[in-house]
Amino acid sequence: MTSRWQHFHHQSDIGVRGIADTLGGAFEQAALALTAVVTDPAGVTSGQEVTIRCEAPDPELLLVDWLNAVIYEMAVRGMVFGRFAVRIDGLCLKAEAWGEGVEVARHVPTVEVKGATYSALRVSRSEAGEWMAQTVVDV
């Protein structure tokens, strides 16, 4: 199975979806989909590492908290991230995000993501064993 991310249509906002063989991998891919709302993740170098931790009462709320933590780090550090390593133990998430400071001429940011929402929020595992994590981000 190949890990992947996708965008999906949602009125004036943008849906982000991560698919992988592990729950952590699906969260990593959802974060890459979030980055792809702003810029091409392939154009982001992994020069700086940031540790992110969060905890929530269920997997869906953990996804929202995770993406909002990534958005927060992007905003306060002026960074974009192109690589993530997520470990989930129960309902606790610890992750490393690698990226760099935004360079407008090179990254050509398209929009600013304001936050992850509860719209179309879903974390599930298919019969084939793939994990899918999705929600809508407000832009």
Protein backbone atom coordinates (compact mmCIF):
# COMPACT_ATOMS: atom_id res chain seq x y z
CA MET A 1 0.00 0.00 0.00
CA THR A 2 1.26 3.43 -0.89
CA SER A 3 0.79 6.28 1.57
CA ARG A 4 -0.79 9.28 -0.08
CA TRP A 5 -2.58 12.53 0.50
CA GLN A 6 -5.52 14.10 -1.29
CA HIS A 7 -7.59 17.25 -1.35
CA PHE A 8 -11.35 17.10 -1.66
CA HIS A 9 -13.90 19.79 -2.50
CA HIS A 10 -15.85 21.46 0.29
CA GLN A 11 -17.67 24.70 -0.63
CA SER A 12 -15.27 27.61 0.01
CA ASP A 13 -12.82 25.63 2.18
CA ILE A 14 -10.49 22.73 1.36
CA GLY A 15 -10.68 19.11 2.47
CA VAL A 16 -7.46 17.35 3.43
CA ARG A 17 -7.13 13.58 3.54
CA GLY A 18 -4.30 11.23 4.46
CA ILE A 19 -4.26 7.53 3.64
CA ALA A 20 -1.67 5.03 4.90
CA ASP A 21 -1.21 1.58 6.37
CA THR A 22 -0.87 3.00 9.91
CA LEU A 23 -2.83 5.61 11.83
CA GLY A 24 0.34 7.67 12.32
CA GLY A 25 1.04 7.46 8.61
CA ALA A 26 -2.46 8.70 7.77
CA PHE A 27 -1.89 11.68 10.11
CA GLU A 28 1.47 12.36 8.40
CA GLN A 29 -0.21 12.34 4.99
CA ALA A 30 -3.03 14.62 6.21
CA ALA A 31 -0.36 17.10 7.37
CA LEU A 32 1.29 16.91 3.93
CA ALA A 33 -2.12 17.64 2.38
CA LEU A 34 -2.30 20.64 4.71
CA THR A 35 1.12 21.85 3.51
CA ALA A 36 -0.03 21.35 -0.09
CA VAL A 37 -2.86 23.84 0.51
CA VAL A 38 -0.14 26.48 1.02
CA THR A 39 2.74 25.31 -1.20
CA ASP A 40 4.16 22.24 -2.96
CA PRO A 41 5.53 19.98 -0.18
CA ALA A 42 8.19 18.65 -2.58
CA GLY A 43 9.72 22.14 -2.70
CA VAL A 44 10.22 22.33 1.08
CA THR A 45 13.64 21.41 2.45
CA SER A 46 13.89 19.61 5.79
CA GLY A 47 16.47 21.81 7.47
CA GLN A 48 14.73 22.52 10.79
CA GLU A 49 13.04 20.05 13.12
CA VAL A 50 10.10 20.91 15.38
CA THR A 51 8.57 18.54 17.95
CA ILE A 52 4.79 18.61 18.30
CA ARG A 53 2.73 16.86 20.98
CA CYS A 54 -1.01 16.69 21.51
CA GLU A 55 -3.64 14.58 23.18
CA ALA A 56 -7.40 14.25 22.66
CA PRO A 57 -10.32 12.07 23.82
CA ASP A 58 -10.80 10.32 20.44
CA PRO A 59 -8.96 9.87 17.11
CA GLU A 60 -11.08 12.44 15.24
CA LEU A 61 -10.40 15.19 17.77
CA LEU A 62 -6.74 14.12 17.81
CA LEU A 63 -6.58 14.75 14.05
CA VAL A 64 -8.04 18.26 14.48
CA ASP A 65 -5.66 19.01 17.37
CA TRP A 66 -2.70 17.68 15.34
CA LEU A 67 -3.46 19.76 12.25
CA ASN A 68 -4.13 22.86 14.37
CA ALA A 69 -0.78 22.33 16.12
CA VAL A 70 0.94 22.17 12.71
CA ILE A 71 -0.89 25.35 11.62
CA TYR A 72 0.18 27.07 14.87
CA GLU A 73 3.83 26.11 14.36
CA MET A 74 3.70 27.32 10.75
CA ALA A 75 2.29 30.67 11.87
CA VAL A 76 4.49 31.42 14.88
CA ARG A 77 7.72 30.17 13.29
CA GLY A 78 7.03 31.47 9.77
CA MET A 79 7.71 27.98 8.43
CA VAL A 80 6.36 25.40 6.05
CA PHE A 81 6.87 21.68 6.61
CA GLY A 82 7.59 19.05 4.00
CA ARG A 83 8.10 15.94 6.12
CA PHE A 84 6.46 14.50 9.24
CA ALA A 85 7.01 11.52 11.53
CA VAL A 86 3.99 10.81 13.73
CA ARG A 87 3.75 8.29 16.57
CA ILE A 88 0.40 7.68 18.21
CA ASP A 89 0.15 5.83 21.52
CA GLY A 90 -3.49 5.47 22.49
CA LEU A 91 -4.78 9.04 22.22
CA CYS A 92 -1.41 10.76 22.65
CA LEU A 93 0.49 11.98 19.60
CA LYS A 94 4.16 12.87 19.40
CA ALA A 95 5.60 14.03 16.11
CA GLU A 96 8.55 15.63 14.44
CA ALA A 97 7.97 18.06 11.60
CA TRP A 98 10.82 19.08 9.30
CA GLY A 99 10.75 22.20 7.22
CA GLU A 100 12.14 25.66 6.65
CA GLY A 101 11.31 29.33 6.85
CA VAL A 102 8.91 30.57 4.20
CA GLU A 103 10.60 32.16 1.20
CA VAL A 104 7.80 33.86 -0.71
CA ALA A 105 9.64 33.89 -4.05
CA ARG A 106 10.42 30.17 -3.86
CA HIS A 107 7.42 28.71 -1.99
CA VAL A 108 4.82 31.02 -3.60
CA PRO A 109 2.28 30.54 -0.78
CA THR A 110 -1.24 30.49 -2.20
CA VAL A 111 -3.45 30.88 0.90
CA GLU A 112 -3.19 31.08 4.66
CA VAL A 113 -4.80 28.19 6.52
CA LYS A 114 -6.71 29.49 9.55
CA GLY A 115 -7.52 26.18 11.19
CA ALA A 116 -8.78 22.62 10.99
CA THR A 117 -12.54 22.24 11.41
CA TYR A 118 -14.95 19.49 12.40
CA SER A 119 -16.54 19.45 8.93
CA ALA A 120 -16.27 16.08 7.16
CA LEU A 121 -14.12 14.92 10.08
CA ARG A 122 -13.42 11.21 9.91
CA VAL A 123 -10.73 8.78 11.02
CA SER A 124 -11.37 5.18 10.01
CA ARG A 125 -9.82 1.94 8.89
CA SER A 126 -11.01 0.15 5.76
CA GLU A 127 -11.63 -3.58 5.46
CA ALA A 128 -8.37 -3.76 3.48
CA GLY A 129 -6.52 -2.29 6.49
CA GLU A 130 -5.87 1.22 5.16
CA TRP A 131 -6.19 4.10 7.61
CA MET A 132 -7.87 7.29 6.40
CA ALA A 133 -7.81 10.61 8.27
CA GLN A 134 -9.68 13.58 6.85
CA THR A 135 -11.16 16.96 7.72
CA VAL A 136 -11.76 20.37 6.21
CA VAL A 137 -9.41 23.30 6.78
CA ASP A 138 -10.59 26.89 6.86
CA VAL A 139 -8.72 29.12 4.42
